[in-house]
Amino acid sequence: MAEQDDRAPESTDRRSSAQQLLGDIAPRLAELTDDVLFGDVWARPELARRDRSLIKVAALIALGRTDQLRSHLNLALENGVSEEELSEVATHLAFYAGWPAGMTAASTLKQLLEAR
């Protein structure tokens, strides 16, 4: 009797995240996201991806861009930023970007970590 494979089937969608999210409505924006933003800006050697993640998370918190915050918190964790460091960014920015911004960031981080 063959063993059952309980792994989720591998996705056959080879499009980038930007293509999946925007490709049908804004294909040029998805292309620029892939080629310029992630293909060039994020690949530049002057800053490590970890540092870019910290900057991006801080900017999203300060600007109140909560729609994108969750995915960039995940990316920051993948790029080597610790949970404690992300918590500290939220705390620090509460004093500079406003208490609601810091609280929203901390709450988003908490939800993300609980879901992992």
PDB file of N, CA and C in Angstrom:
ATOM      1  N   MET A   1       0.847  -1.171   0.000  1.00  0.00           N
ATOM      2  CA  MET A   1       0.000   0.000   0.000  1.00  0.00           C
ATOM      3  C   MET A   1       0.895   1.237   0.000  1.00  0.00           C
ATOM      4  N   ALA A   2       0.626   2.164  -0.879  1.00  0.00           N
ATOM      5  CA  ALA A   2       1.434   3.380  -0.991  1.00  0.00           C
ATOM      6  C   ALA A   2       1.101   4.348   0.133  1.00  0.00           C
ATOM      7  N   GLU A   3       2.149   5.050   0.597  1.00  0.00           N
ATOM      8  CA  GLU A   3       1.933   6.064   1.631  1.00  0.00           C
ATOM      9  C   GLU A   3       1.276   7.284   1.008  1.00  0.00           C
ATOM     10  N   GLN A   4       0.402   7.900   1.790  1.00  0.00           N
ATOM     11  CA  GLN A   4      -0.248   9.114   1.321  1.00  0.00           C
ATOM     12  C   GLN A   4       0.666  10.305   1.539  1.00  0.00           C
ATOM     13  N   ASP A   5       0.754  11.192   0.566  1.00  0.00           N
ATOM     14  CA  ASP A   5       1.570  12.403   0.670  1.00  0.00           C
ATOM     15  C   ASP A   5       0.672  13.531   1.164  1.00  0.00           C
ATOM     16  N   ASP A   6       0.887  13.961   2.433  1.00  0.00           N
ATOM     17  CA  ASP A   6       0.041  14.981   3.041  1.00  0.00           C
ATOM     18  C   ASP A   6       0.511  16.396   2.759  1.00  0.00           C
ATOM     19  N   ARG A   7       1.567  16.548   1.997  1.00  0.00           N
ATOM     20  CA  ARG A   7       2.047  17.892   1.677  1.00  0.00           C
ATOM     21  C   ARG A   7       1.066  18.581   0.751  1.00  0.00           C
ATOM     22  N   ALA A   8       0.983  19.897   0.905  1.00  0.00           N
ATOM     23  CA  ALA A   8       0.138  20.679   0.002  1.00  0.00           C
ATOM     24  C   ALA A   8       0.739  20.612  -1.391  1.00  0.00           C
ATOM     25  N   PRO A   9      -0.123  20.575  -2.402  1.00  0.00           N
ATOM     26  CA  PRO A   9       0.418  20.547  -3.759  1.00  0.00           C
ATOM     27  C   PRO A   9       1.188  21.826  -4.054  1.00  0.00           C
ATOM     28  N   GLU A  10       2.283  21.680  -4.779  1.00  0.00           N
ATOM     29  CA  GLU A  10       3.102  22.836  -5.126  1.00  0.00           C
ATOM     30  C   GLU A  10       2.327  23.705  -6.104  1.00  0.00           C
ATOM     31  N   SER A  11       2.394  25.009  -5.881  1.00  0.00           N
ATOM     32  CA  SER A  11       1.692  25.943  -6.746  1.00  0.00           C
ATOM     33  C   SER A  11       2.281  25.901  -8.144  1.00  0.00           C
ATOM     34  N   THR A  12       1.411  25.917  -9.130  1.00  0.00           N
ATOM     35  CA  THR A  12       1.872  25.946 -10.514  1.00  0.00           C
ATOM     36  C   THR A  12       1.916  27.368 -11.047  1.00  0.00           C
ATOM     37  N   ASP A  13       1.481  28.325 -10.252  1.00  0.00           N
ATOM     38  CA  ASP A  13       1.491  29.729 -10.663  1.00  0.00           C
ATOM     39  C   ASP A  13       2.894  30.281 -10.442  1.00  0.00           C
ATOM     40  N   ARG A  14       3.608  30.508 -11.519  1.00  0.00           N
ATOM     41  CA  ARG A  14       4.993  30.963 -11.443  1.00  0.00           C
ATOM     42  C   ARG A  14       5.115  32.479 -11.545  1.00  0.00           C
ATOM     43  N   ARG A  15       3.981  33.183 -11.530  1.00  0.00           N
ATOM     44  CA  ARG A  15       4.026  34.641 -11.602  1.00  0.00           C
ATOM     45  C   ARG A  15       4.507  35.214 -10.274  1.00  0.00           C
ATOM     46  N   SER A  16       5.127  36.385 -10.340  1.00  0.00           N
ATOM     47  CA  SER A  16       5.581  37.064  -9.127  1.00  0.00           C
ATOM     48  C   SER A  16       4.366  37.483  -8.303  1.00  0.00           C
ATOM     49  N   SER A  17       4.621  37.868  -7.055  1.00  0.00           N
ATOM     50  CA  SER A  17       3.542  38.365  -6.207  1.00  0.00           C
ATOM     51  C   SER A  17       2.870  39.577  -6.829  1.00  0.00           C
ATOM     52  N   ALA A  18       3.684  40.468  -7.390  1.00  0.00           N
ATOM     53  CA  ALA A  18       3.132  41.662  -8.029  1.00  0.00           C
ATOM     54  C   ALA A  18       2.258  41.283  -9.212  1.00  0.00           C
ATOM     55  N   GLN A  19       2.689  40.309  -9.995  1.00  0.00           N
ATOM     56  CA  GLN A  19       1.895  39.868 -11.144  1.00  0.00           C
ATOM     57  C   GLN A  19       0.582  39.236 -10.676  1.00  0.00           C
ATOM     58  N   GLN A  20       0.639  38.469  -9.601  1.00  0.00           N
ATOM     59  CA  GLN A  20      -0.574  37.837  -9.078  1.00  0.00           C
ATOM     60  C   GLN A  20      -1.548  38.881  -8.541  1.00  0.00           C
ATOM     61  N   LEU A  21      -1.023  39.898  -7.851  1.00  0.00           N
ATOM     62  CA  LEU A  21      -1.881  40.915  -7.247  1.00  0.00           C
ATOM     63  C   LEU A  21      -2.400  41.939  -8.244  1.00  0.00           C
ATOM     64  N   LEU A  22      -1.549  42.359  -9.180  1.00  0.00           N
ATOM     65  CA  LEU A  22      -1.874  43.502 -10.032  1.00  0.00           C
ATOM     66  C   LEU A  22      -1.860  43.236 -11.525  1.00  0.00           C
ATOM     67  N   GLY A  23      -1.311  42.102 -11.934  1.00  0.00           N
ATOM     68  CA  GLY A  23      -1.066  41.851 -13.342  1.00  0.00           C
ATOM     69  C   GLY A  23      -2.268  41.990 -14.237  1.00  0.00           C
ATOM     70  N   ASP A  24      -3.446  41.647 -13.744  1.00  0.00           N
ATOM     71  CA  ASP A  24      -4.636  41.729 -14.584  1.00  0.00           C
ATOM     72  C   ASP A  24      -5.209  43.145 -14.664  1.00  0.00           C
ATOM     73  N   ILE A  25      -4.951  43.984 -13.667  1.00  0.00           N
ATOM     74  CA  ILE A  25      -5.514  45.328 -13.647  1.00  0.00           C
ATOM     75  C   ILE A  25      -4.482  46.414 -13.960  1.00  0.00           C
ATOM     76  N   ALA A  26      -3.242  46.204 -13.538  1.00  0.00           N
ATOM     77  CA  ALA A  26      -2.173  47.190 -13.754  1.00  0.00           C
ATOM     78  C   ALA A  26      -0.885  46.464 -14.128  1.00  0.00           C
ATOM     79  N   PRO A  27      -0.846  45.881 -15.321  1.00  0.00           N
ATOM     80  CA  PRO A  27       0.320  45.077 -15.691  1.00  0.00           C
ATOM     81  C   PRO A  27       1.632  45.856 -15.706  1.00  0.00           C
ATOM     82  N   ARG A  28       1.596  47.119 -16.095  1.00  0.00           N
ATOM     83  CA  ARG A  28       2.832  47.908 -16.126  1.00  0.00           C
ATOM     84  C   ARG A  28       3.340  48.171 -14.708  1.00  0.00           C
ATOM     85  N   LEU A  29       2.435  48.444 -13.766  1.00  0.00           N
ATOM     86  CA  LEU A  29       2.836  48.643 -12.371  1.00  0.00           C
ATOM     87  C   LEU A  29       3.452  47.361 -11.818  1.00  0.00           C
ATOM     88  N   ALA A  30       2.881  46.214 -12.123  1.00  0.00           N
ATOM     89  CA  ALA A  30       3.436  44.940 -11.680  1.00  0.00           C
ATOM     90  C   ALA A  30       4.822  44.729 -12.287  1.00  0.00           C
ATOM     91  N   GLU A  31       4.975  45.064 -13.560  1.00  0.00           N
ATOM     92  CA  GLU A  31       6.275  44.927 -14.228  1.00  0.00           C
ATOM     93  C   GLU A  31       7.327  45.844 -13.599  1.00  0.00           C
ATOM     94  N   LEU A  32       6.959  47.085 -13.318  1.00  0.00           N
ATOM     95  CA  LEU A  32       7.890  48.021 -12.677  1.00  0.00           C
ATOM     96  C   LEU A  32       8.260  47.543 -11.271  1.00  0.00           C
ATOM     97  N   THR A  33       7.285  46.994 -10.572  1.00  0.00           N
ATOM     98  CA  THR A  33       7.539  46.458  -9.236  1.00  0.00           C
ATOM     99  C   THR A  33       8.587  45.354  -9.301  1.00  0.00           C
ATOM    100  N   ASP A  34       8.413  44.437 -10.239  1.00  0.00           N
ATOM    101  CA  ASP A  34       9.352  43.319 -10.378  1.00  0.00           C
ATOM    102  C   ASP A  34      10.725  43.778 -10.862  1.00  0.00           C
ATOM    103  N   ASP A  35      10.729  44.557 -11.948  1.00  0.00           N
ATOM    104  CA  ASP A  35      11.988  44.884 -12.618  1.00  0.00           C
ATOM    105  C   ASP A  35      12.770  46.005 -11.946  1.00  0.00           C
ATOM    106  N   VAL A  36      12.085  47.071 -11.559  1.00  0.00           N
ATOM    107  CA  VAL A  36      12.788  48.230 -11.015  1.00  0.00           C
ATOM    108  C   VAL A  36      12.887  48.148  -9.489  1.00  0.00           C
ATOM    109  N   LEU A  37      11.736  48.021  -8.824  1.00  0.00           N
ATOM    110  CA  LEU A  37      11.763  48.034  -7.365  1.00  0.00           C
ATOM    111  C   LEU A  37      12.550  46.857  -6.796  1.00  0.00           C
ATOM    112  N   PHE A  38      12.111  45.629  -7.126  1.00  0.00           N
ATOM    113  CA  PHE A  38      12.785  44.469  -6.548  1.00  0.00           C
ATOM    114  C   PHE A  38      13.983  44.015  -7.370  1.00  0.00           C
ATOM    115  N   GLY A  39      13.970  44.238  -8.675  1.00  0.00           N
ATOM    116  CA  GLY A  39      15.078  43.820  -9.520  1.00  0.00           C
ATOM    117  C   GLY A  39      16.276  44.751  -9.460  1.00  0.00           C
ATOM    118  N   ASP A  40      16.051  46.022  -9.113  1.00  0.00           N
ATOM    119  CA  ASP A  40      17.149  46.989  -9.074  1.00  0.00           C
ATOM    120  C   ASP A  40      17.309  47.596  -7.679  1.00  0.00           C
ATOM    121  N   VAL A  41      16.318  48.334  -7.219  1.00  0.00           N
ATOM    122  CA  VAL A  41      16.447  49.075  -5.957  1.00  0.00           C
ATOM    123  C   VAL A  41      16.766  48.142  -4.790  1.00  0.00           C
ATOM    124  N   TRP A  42      16.017  47.074  -4.631  1.00  0.00           N
ATOM    125  CA  TRP A  42      16.249  46.152  -3.516  1.00  0.00           C
ATOM    126  C   TRP A  42      17.527  45.351  -3.696  1.00  0.00           C
ATOM    127  N   ALA A  43      18.067  45.288  -4.901  1.00  0.00           N
ATOM    128  CA  ALA A  43      19.271  44.503  -5.170  1.00  0.00           C
ATOM    129  C   ALA A  43      20.557  45.321  -5.077  1.00  0.00           C
ATOM    130  N   ARG A  44      20.434  46.624  -4.915  1.00  0.00           N
ATOM    131  CA  ARG A  44      21.631  47.472  -4.866  1.00  0.00           C
ATOM    132  C   ARG A  44      22.479  47.104  -3.646  1.00  0.00           C
ATOM    133  N   PRO A  45      23.807  47.061  -3.796  1.00  0.00           N
ATOM    134  CA  PRO A  45      24.674  46.583  -2.723  1.00  0.00           C
ATOM    135  C   PRO A  45      24.939  47.598  -1.608  1.00  0.00           C
ATOM    136  N   GLU A  46      24.542  48.838  -1.774  1.00  0.00           N
ATOM    137  CA  GLU A  46      24.871  49.864  -0.778  1.00  0.00           C
ATOM    138  C   GLU A  46      24.161  49.662   0.561  1.00  0.00           C
ATOM    139  N   LEU A  47      23.030  48.973   0.544  1.00  0.00           N
ATOM    140  CA  LEU A  47      22.331  48.614   1.783  1.00  0.00           C
ATOM    141  C   LEU A  47      21.978  47.135   1.728  1.00  0.00           C
ATOM    142  N   ALA A  48      22.107  46.481   2.860  1.00  0.00           N
ATOM    143  CA  ALA A  48      21.693  45.080   2.956  1.00  0.00           C
ATOM    144  C   ALA A  48      20.178  44.995   2.896  1.00  0.00           C
ATOM    145  N   ARG A  49      19.669  43.855   2.430  1.00  0.00           N
ATOM    146  CA  ARG A  49      18.207  43.656   2.380  1.00  0.00           C
ATOM    147  C   ARG A  49      17.593  43.822   3.774  1.00  0.00           C
ATOM    148  N   ARG A  50      18.304  43.389   4.799  1.00  0.00           N
ATOM    149  CA  ARG A  50      17.820  43.546   6.176  1.00  0.00           C
ATOM    150  C   ARG A  50      17.601  45.009   6.504  1.00  0.00           C
ATOM    151  N   ASP A  51      18.570  45.853   6.147  1.00  0.00           N
ATOM    152  CA  ASP A  51      18.453  47.292   6.410  1.00  0.00           C
ATOM    153  C   ASP A  51      17.326  47.903   5.587  1.00  0.00           C
ATOM    154  N   ARG A  52      17.208  47.487   4.347  1.00  0.00           N
ATOM    155  CA  ARG A  52      16.115  47.983   3.503  1.00  0.00           C
ATOM    156  C   ARG A  52      14.761  47.613   4.101  1.00  0.00           C
ATOM    157  N   SER A  53      14.681  46.414   4.674  1.00  0.00           N
ATOM    158  CA  SER A  53      13.434  45.998   5.314  1.00  0.00           C
ATOM    159  C   SER A  53      13.095  46.877   6.510  1.00  0.00           C
ATOM    160  N   LEU A  54      14.093  47.178   7.337  1.00  0.00           N
ATOM    161  CA  LEU A  54      13.851  48.066   8.479  1.00  0.00           C
ATOM    162  C   LEU A  54      13.359  49.436   8.015  1.00  0.00           C
ATOM    163  N   ILE A  55      13.997  49.969   6.979  1.00  0.00           N
ATOM    164  CA  ILE A  55      13.601  51.274   6.442  1.00  0.00           C
ATOM    165  C   ILE A  55      12.181  51.214   5.905  1.00  0.00           C
ATOM    166  N   LYS A  56      11.881  50.175   5.145  1.00  0.00           N
ATOM    167  CA  LYS A  56      10.557  50.045   4.535  1.00  0.00           C
ATOM    168  C   LYS A  56       9.476  49.922   5.598  1.00  0.00           C
ATOM    169  N   VAL A  57       9.703  49.084   6.602  1.00  0.00           N
ATOM    170  CA  VAL A  57       8.728  48.924   7.682  1.00  0.00           C
ATOM    171  C   VAL A  57       8.511  50.257   8.405  1.00  0.00           C
ATOM    172  N   ALA A  58       9.592  50.960   8.703  1.00  0.00           N
ATOM    173  CA  ALA A  58       9.473  52.260   9.381  1.00  0.00           C
ATOM    174  C   ALA A  58       8.689  53.251   8.533  1.00  0.00           C
ATOM    175  N   ALA A  59       8.956  53.290   7.241  1.00  0.00           N
ATOM    176  CA  ALA A  59       8.236  54.210   6.357  1.00  0.00           C
ATOM    177  C   ALA A  59       6.752  53.853   6.291  1.00  0.00           C
ATOM    178  N   LEU A  60       6.440  52.581   6.177  1.00  0.00           N
ATOM    179  CA  LEU A  60       5.035  52.165   6.120  1.00  0.00           C
ATOM    180  C   LEU A  60       4.297  52.521   7.410  1.00  0.00           C
ATOM    181  N   ILE A  61       4.958  52.315   8.544  1.00  0.00           N
ATOM    182  CA  ILE A  61       4.350  52.669   9.831  1.00  0.00           C
ATOM    183  C   ILE A  61       4.119  54.177   9.896  1.00  0.00           C
ATOM    184  N   ALA A  62       5.147  54.950   9.578  1.00  0.00           N
ATOM    185  CA  ALA A  62       5.060  56.407   9.689  1.00  0.00           C
ATOM    186  C   ALA A  62       4.019  56.991   8.747  1.00  0.00           C
ATOM    187  N   LEU A  63       3.871  56.395   7.587  1.00  0.00           N
ATOM    188  CA  LEU A  63       2.917  56.907   6.606  1.00  0.00           C
ATOM    189  C   LEU A  63       1.517  56.306   6.761  1.00  0.00           C
ATOM    190  N   GLY A  64       1.377  55.365   7.688  1.00  0.00           N
ATOM    191  CA  GLY A  64       0.070  54.746   7.913  1.00  0.00           C
ATOM    192  C   GLY A  64      -0.364  53.832   6.781  1.00  0.00           C
ATOM    193  N   ARG A  65       0.577  53.214   6.120  1.00  0.00           N
ATOM    194  CA  ARG A  65       0.277  52.334   4.984  1.00  0.00           C
ATOM    195  C   ARG A  65       0.108  50.895   5.467  1.00  0.00           C
ATOM    196  N   THR A  66      -0.954  50.674   6.218  1.00  0.00           N
ATOM    197  CA  THR A  66      -1.158  49.384   6.867  1.00  0.00           C
ATOM    198  C   THR A  66      -1.480  48.260   5.894  1.00  0.00           C
ATOM    199  N   ASP A  67      -2.002  48.572   4.703  1.00  0.00           N
ATOM    200  CA  ASP A  67      -2.304  47.514   3.736  1.00  0.00           C
ATOM    201  C   ASP A  67      -1.059  46.737   3.345  1.00  0.00           C
ATOM    202  N   GLN A  68       0.074  47.393   3.268  1.00  0.00           N
ATOM    203  CA  GLN A  68       1.311  46.742   2.849  1.00  0.00           C
ATOM    204  C   GLN A  68       2.192  46.338   4.034  1.00  0.00           C
ATOM    205  N   LEU A  69       1.852  46.796   5.230  1.00  0.00           N
ATOM    206  CA  LEU A  69       2.707  46.555   6.383  1.00  0.00           C
ATOM    207  C   LEU A  69       2.890  45.075   6.676  1.00  0.00           C
ATOM    208  N   ARG A  70       1.824  44.304   6.662  1.00  0.00           N
ATOM    209  CA  ARG A  70       1.898  42.880   7.007  1.00  0.00           C
ATOM    210  C   ARG A  70       2.898  42.147   6.112  1.00  0.00           C
ATOM    211  N   SER A  71       2.811  42.338   4.806  1.00  0.00           N
ATOM    212  CA  SER A  71       3.719  41.616   3.910  1.00  0.00           C
ATOM    213  C   SER A  71       5.159  42.055   4.108  1.00  0.00           C
ATOM    214  N   HIS A  72       5.374  43.338   4.425  1.00  0.00           N
ATOM    215  CA  HIS A  72       6.751  43.792   4.620  1.00  0.00           C
ATOM    216  C   HIS A  72       7.292  43.437   6.008  1.00  0.00           C
ATOM    217  N   LEU A  73       6.420  43.238   6.984  1.00  0.00           N
ATOM    218  CA  LEU A  73       6.872  42.676   8.256  1.00  0.00           C
ATOM    219  C   LEU A  73       7.358  41.240   8.029  1.00  0.00           C
ATOM    220  N   ASN A  74       6.601  40.474   7.254  1.00  0.00           N
ATOM    221  CA  ASN A  74       7.017  39.106   6.908  1.00  0.00           C
ATOM    222  C   ASN A  74       8.349  39.112   6.173  1.00  0.00           C
ATOM    223  N   LEU A  75       8.480  39.993   5.192  1.00  0.00           N
ATOM    224  CA  LEU A  75       9.728  40.090   4.438  1.00  0.00           C
ATOM    225  C   LEU A  75      10.883  40.476   5.363  1.00  0.00           C
ATOM    226  N   ALA A  76      10.632  41.385   6.292  1.00  0.00           N
ATOM    227  CA  ALA A  76      11.679  41.788   7.236  1.00  0.00           C
ATOM    228  C   ALA A  76      12.147  40.592   8.063  1.00  0.00           C
ATOM    229  N   LEU A  77      11.221  39.777   8.529  1.00  0.00           N
ATOM    230  CA  LEU A  77      11.597  38.574   9.280  1.00  0.00           C
ATOM    231  C   LEU A  77      12.427  37.636   8.410  1.00  0.00           C
ATOM    232  N   GLU A  78      12.029  37.468   7.153  1.00  0.00           N
ATOM    233  CA  GLU A  78      12.793  36.628   6.223  1.00  0.00           C
ATOM    234  C   GLU A  78      14.180  37.205   5.957  1.00  0.00           C
ATOM    235  N   ASN A  79      14.294  38.531   6.019  1.00  0.00           N
ATOM    236  CA  ASN A  79      15.574  39.198   5.760  1.00  0.00           C
ATOM    237  C   ASN A  79      16.436  39.337   7.005  1.00  0.00           C
ATOM    238  N   GLY A  80      16.051  38.689   8.104  1.00  0.00           N
ATOM    239  CA  GLY A  80      16.900  38.643   9.285  1.00  0.00           C
ATOM    240  C   GLY A  80      16.594  39.640  10.385  1.00  0.00           C
ATOM    241  N   VAL A  81      15.537  40.424  10.248  1.00  0.00           N
ATOM    242  CA  VAL A  81      15.134  41.332  11.319  1.00  0.00           C
ATOM    243  C   VAL A  81      14.394  40.493  12.357  1.00  0.00           C
ATOM    244  N   SER A  82      14.726  40.669  13.624  1.00  0.00           N
ATOM    245  CA  SER A  82      14.104  39.857  14.671  1.00  0.00           C
ATOM    246  C   SER A  82      12.746  40.419  15.078  1.00  0.00           C
ATOM    247  N   GLU A  83      11.965  39.576  15.720  1.00  0.00           N
ATOM    248  CA  GLU A  83      10.667  40.002  16.263  1.00  0.00           C
ATOM    249  C   GLU A  83      10.863  41.160  17.236  1.00  0.00           C
ATOM    250  N   GLU A  84      11.895  41.055  18.069  1.00  0.00           N
ATOM    251  CA  GLU A  84      12.172  42.095  19.060  1.00  0.00           C
ATOM    252  C   GLU A  84      12.509  43.421  18.390  1.00  0.00           C
ATOM    253  N   GLU A  85      13.274  43.358  17.311  1.00  0.00           N
ATOM    254  CA  GLU A  85      13.623  44.588  16.592  1.00  0.00           C
ATOM    255  C   GLU A  85      12.387  45.226  15.955  1.00  0.00           C
ATOM    256  N   LEU A  86      11.509  44.423  15.390  1.00  0.00           N
ATOM    257  CA  LEU A  86      10.290  44.976  14.793  1.00  0.00           C
ATOM    258  C   LEU A  86       9.388  45.578  15.861  1.00  0.00           C
ATOM    259  N   SER A  87       9.335  44.948  17.014  1.00  0.00           N
ATOM    260  CA  SER A  87       8.579  45.495  18.133  1.00  0.00           C
ATOM    261  C   SER A  87       9.152  46.846  18.554  1.00  0.00           C
ATOM    262  N   GLU A  88      10.468  46.923  18.585  1.00  0.00           N
ATOM    263  CA  GLU A  88      11.129  48.172  18.972  1.00  0.00           C
ATOM    264  C   GLU A  88      10.890  49.275  17.944  1.00  0.00           C
ATOM    265  N   VAL A  89      10.838  48.922  16.663  1.00  0.00           N
ATOM    266  CA  VAL A  89      10.521  49.915  15.623  1.00  0.00           C
ATOM    267  C   VAL A  89       9.131  50.496  15.882  1.00  0.00           C
ATOM    268  N   ALA A  90       8.155  49.638  16.173  1.00  0.00           N
ATOM    269  CA  ALA A  90       6.795  50.106  16.453  1.00  0.00           C
ATOM    270  C   ALA A  90       6.775  51.017  17.678  1.00  0.00           C
ATOM    271  N   THR A  91       7.483  50.634  18.725  1.00  0.00           N
ATOM    272  CA  THR A  91       7.539  51.428  19.949  1.00  0.00           C
ATOM    273  C   THR A  91       8.211  52.770  19.697  1.00  0.00           C
ATOM    274  N   HIS A  92       9.334  52.753  19.029  1.00  0.00           N
ATOM    275  CA  HIS A  92      10.089  53.969  18.740  1.00  0.00           C
ATOM    276  C   HIS A  92       9.266  54.938  17.892  1.00  0.00           C
ATOM    277  N   LEU A  93       8.605  54.401  16.874  1.00  0.00           N
ATOM    278  CA  LEU A  93       7.844  55.271  15.975  1.00  0.00           C
ATOM    279  C   LEU A  93       6.563  55.812  16.605  1.00  0.00           C
ATOM    280  N   ALA A  94       6.096  55.187  17.669  1.00  0.00           N
ATOM    281  CA  ALA A  94       4.927  55.743  18.363  1.00  0.00           C
ATOM    282  C   ALA A  94       5.205  57.174  18.819  1.00  0.00           C
ATOM    283  N   PHE A  95       6.458  57.465  19.123  1.00  0.00           N
ATOM    284  CA  PHE A  95       6.828  58.800  19.589  1.00  0.00           C
ATOM    285  C   PHE A  95       7.086  59.776  18.451  1.00  0.00           C
ATOM    286  N   TYR A  96       7.350  59.279  17.260  1.00  0.00           N
ATOM    287  CA  TYR A  96       7.679  60.144  16.129  1.00  0.00           C
ATOM    288  C   TYR A  96       6.576  60.204  15.080  1.00  0.00           C
ATOM    289  N   ALA A  97       5.851  59.113  14.896  1.00  0.00           N
ATOM    290  CA  ALA A  97       4.815  59.059  13.863  1.00  0.00           C
ATOM    291  C   ALA A  97       3.415  59.099  14.463  1.00  0.00           C
ATOM    292  N   GLY A  98       3.336  59.048  15.779  1.00  0.00           N
ATOM    293  CA  GLY A  98       2.045  59.092  16.463  1.00  0.00           C
ATOM    294  C   GLY A  98       1.722  57.777  17.137  1.00  0.00           C
ATOM    295  N   TRP A  99       1.063  57.910  18.268  1.00  0.00           N
ATOM    296  CA  TRP A  99       0.722  56.733  19.058  1.00  0.00           C
ATOM    297  C   TRP A  99      -0.123  55.738  18.277  1.00  0.00           C
ATOM    298  N   PRO A 100      -1.151  56.186  17.535  1.00  0.00           N
ATOM    299  CA  PRO A 100      -1.935  55.225  16.755  1.00  0.00           C
ATOM    300  C   PRO A 100      -1.085  54.443  15.744  1.00  0.00           C
ATOM    301  N   ALA A 101      -0.111  55.083  15.139  1.00  0.00           N
ATOM    302  CA  ALA A 101       0.754  54.391  14.177  1.00  0.00           C
ATOM    303  C   ALA A 101       1.558  53.291  14.869  1.00  0.00           C
ATOM    304  N   GLY A 102       2.107  53.589  16.021  1.00  0.00           N
ATOM    305  CA  GLY A 102       2.867  52.592  16.769  1.00  0.00           C
ATOM    306  C   GLY A 102       1.993  51.450  17.256  1.00  0.00           C
ATOM    307  N   MET A 103       0.807  51.785  17.746  1.00  0.00           N
ATOM    308  CA  MET A 103      -0.121  50.757  18.232  1.00  0.00           C
ATOM    309  C   MET A 103      -0.595  49.862  17.089  1.00  0.00           C
ATOM    310  N   THR A 104      -0.898  50.462  15.946  1.00  0.00           N
ATOM    311  CA  THR A 104      -1.333  49.679  14.792  1.00  0.00           C
ATOM    312  C   THR A 104      -0.217  48.748  14.333  1.00  0.00           C
ATOM    313  N   ALA A 105       1.002  49.250  14.292  1.00  0.00           N
ATOM    314  CA  ALA A 105       2.138  48.425  13.882  1.00  0.00           C
ATOM    315  C   ALA A 105       2.344  47.267  14.852  1.00  0.00           C
ATOM    316  N   ALA A 106       2.294  47.536  16.151  1.00  0.00           N
ATOM    317  CA  ALA A 106       2.483  46.481  17.147  1.00  0.00           C
ATOM    318  C   ALA A 106       1.368  45.440  17.053  1.00  0.00           C
ATOM    319  N   SER A 107       0.148  45.899  16.849  1.00  0.00           N
ATOM    320  CA  SER A 107      -0.990  44.985  16.707  1.00  0.00           C
ATOM    321  C   SER A 107      -0.860  44.130  15.457  1.00  0.00           C
ATOM    322  N   THR A 108      -0.440  44.739  14.367  1.00  0.00           N
ATOM    323  CA  THR A 108      -0.246  43.998  13.117  1.00  0.00           C
ATOM    324  C   THR A 108       0.853  42.958  13.291  1.00  0.00           C
ATOM    325  N   LEU A 109       1.943  43.336  13.942  1.00  0.00           N
ATOM    326  CA  LEU A 109       3.039  42.406  14.206  1.00  0.00           C
ATOM    327  C   LEU A 109       2.556  41.246  15.070  1.00  0.00           C
ATOM    328  N   LYS A 110       1.793  41.527  16.100  1.00  0.00           N
ATOM    329  CA  LYS A 110       1.287  40.489  16.978  1.00  0.00           C
ATOM    330  C   LYS A 110       0.418  39.489  16.199  1.00  0.00           C
ATOM    331  N   GLN A 111      -0.495  40.004  15.387  1.00  0.00           N
ATOM    332  CA  GLN A 111      -1.363  39.138  14.581  1.00  0.00           C
ATOM    333  C   GLN A 111      -0.550  38.271  13.624  1.00  0.00           C
ATOM    334  N   LEU A 112       0.446  38.875  13.005  1.00  0.00           N
ATOM    335  CA  LEU A 112       1.291  38.155  12.056  1.00  0.00           C
ATOM    336  C   LEU A 112       2.039  37.027  12.756  1.00  0.00           C
ATOM    337  N   LEU A 113       2.620  37.322  13.916  1.00  0.00           N
ATOM    338  CA  LEU A 113       3.396  36.313  14.640  1.00  0.00           C
ATOM    339  C   LEU A 113       2.501  35.178  15.155  1.00  0.00           C
ATOM    340  N   GLU A 114       1.292  35.509  15.573  1.00  0.00           N
ATOM    341  CA  GLU A 114       0.363  34.489  16.041  1.00  0.00           C
ATOM    342  C   GLU A 114      -0.075  33.557  14.908  1.00  0.00           C
ATOM    343  N   ALA A 115      -0.115  34.104  13.696  1.00  0.00           N
ATOM    344  CA  ALA A 115      -0.549  33.317  12.533  1.00  0.00           C
ATOM    345  C   ALA A 115       0.567  32.443  11.957  1.00  0.00           C
ATOM    346  N   ARG A 116       1.795  32.705  12.328  1.00  0.00           N
ATOM    347  CA  ARG A 116       2.939  31.939  11.779  1.00  0.00           C
ATOM    348  C   ARG A 116       2.988  30.547  12.335  1.00  0.00           C
TER     349      ARG A 116
END
